[in-house]
């Protein structure tokens, strides 16, 4: 009689087919990710456009960013699904939550520095944290820090404006991420997660039995994680990036510089409001920042605009809508916007 799987005597299934499949898919994943630029260039060539036109730039942006975000989403969610078979949600929460209020937020914000993601690319890991049971406020500290304070932004700021501006941006950006996460955590808004996210959290808490899992089961957990999350989120990803691409090709630098250089109280809020509908990453927005400063815009106002673009983009909100209910999205946007306004005023005051 065949043995039935139990905690004491689990049935071991052949793992070699899974290993070969994962290696093959990983090689394809890496090849696709390494040739995103060539893919976008090829699409432009096929449709007869160039990046010297607004439409061509918008199409190139979409054809580059859409597969990039979907690849990241699939890869990260698969890995997170496997990792979660080793660590109970309670252990993951303890790691990031810390023993004192704010330690988990600080760790998550620091993790965001070394993950060079734009706001939409950071969403997959944000979802992974939530599905692993990481506290809501801590996940938001990561979501804010990852696009806004990363090594790309810091290196470019250092090269263009010097170490004082780079370090002030680092300190204030981390402060916004940590404090915003703390505020959201204290508001206890877990009920405003979408039901399917809460079901994943509850299901994983109930089914976590690490002793009974072999590697085949772990790979299957990663596959199922991709099906349950990517299958729900991908239309929102494409819609969000489509909006961002449309705006990306039509950035009105002259119009923005015309009021960003004015020494009036409303310049910083206006810059933040103008930045929210736009979408790009730190490497894409900093050349625009340099151009605006060259046209006479104030540094604090321009950096507030930059923070709004990469941390509060409308495409990011569209993608997050699949995970968060409107009230939580509005709270997130309001708290982060308040922090960005403070950063803008501080920069204009001290520099």
Foldseek 3Di string as FASTA:
>chain_A
DDDDADLVRADDDDCVVVVVVVVVVVVVLVVCLVCQQVQLVVVCVVVVHDCVALVSQLSSLLSRVLVNLLSLLLVVLLVLLLVCLVPQLVRLQCVLCDPDHLSSLLVLLVVLQAQQDFLSSLVSVLLSNLLSNHQNLSSQLNSLNNQQHYPVLLVLCCVPPNNVVSVLSNVLSNVLSRVLSSVLRVVPVPVQWDPLSVVSNVVRNVPRDNSNDDVVNSSVSSVVSCCSPVVQQSVLLSVLSSQQSSVVSPDPLVVLLVQQQDPDLCLQVVLLVVQAQHEDGSVVCVVSLVVSVVSRGQNLSSSLNVSSNRNRHPSSLSSCVSTGPPVSNVSSNVSSNVSSSVSSVVSNVPD
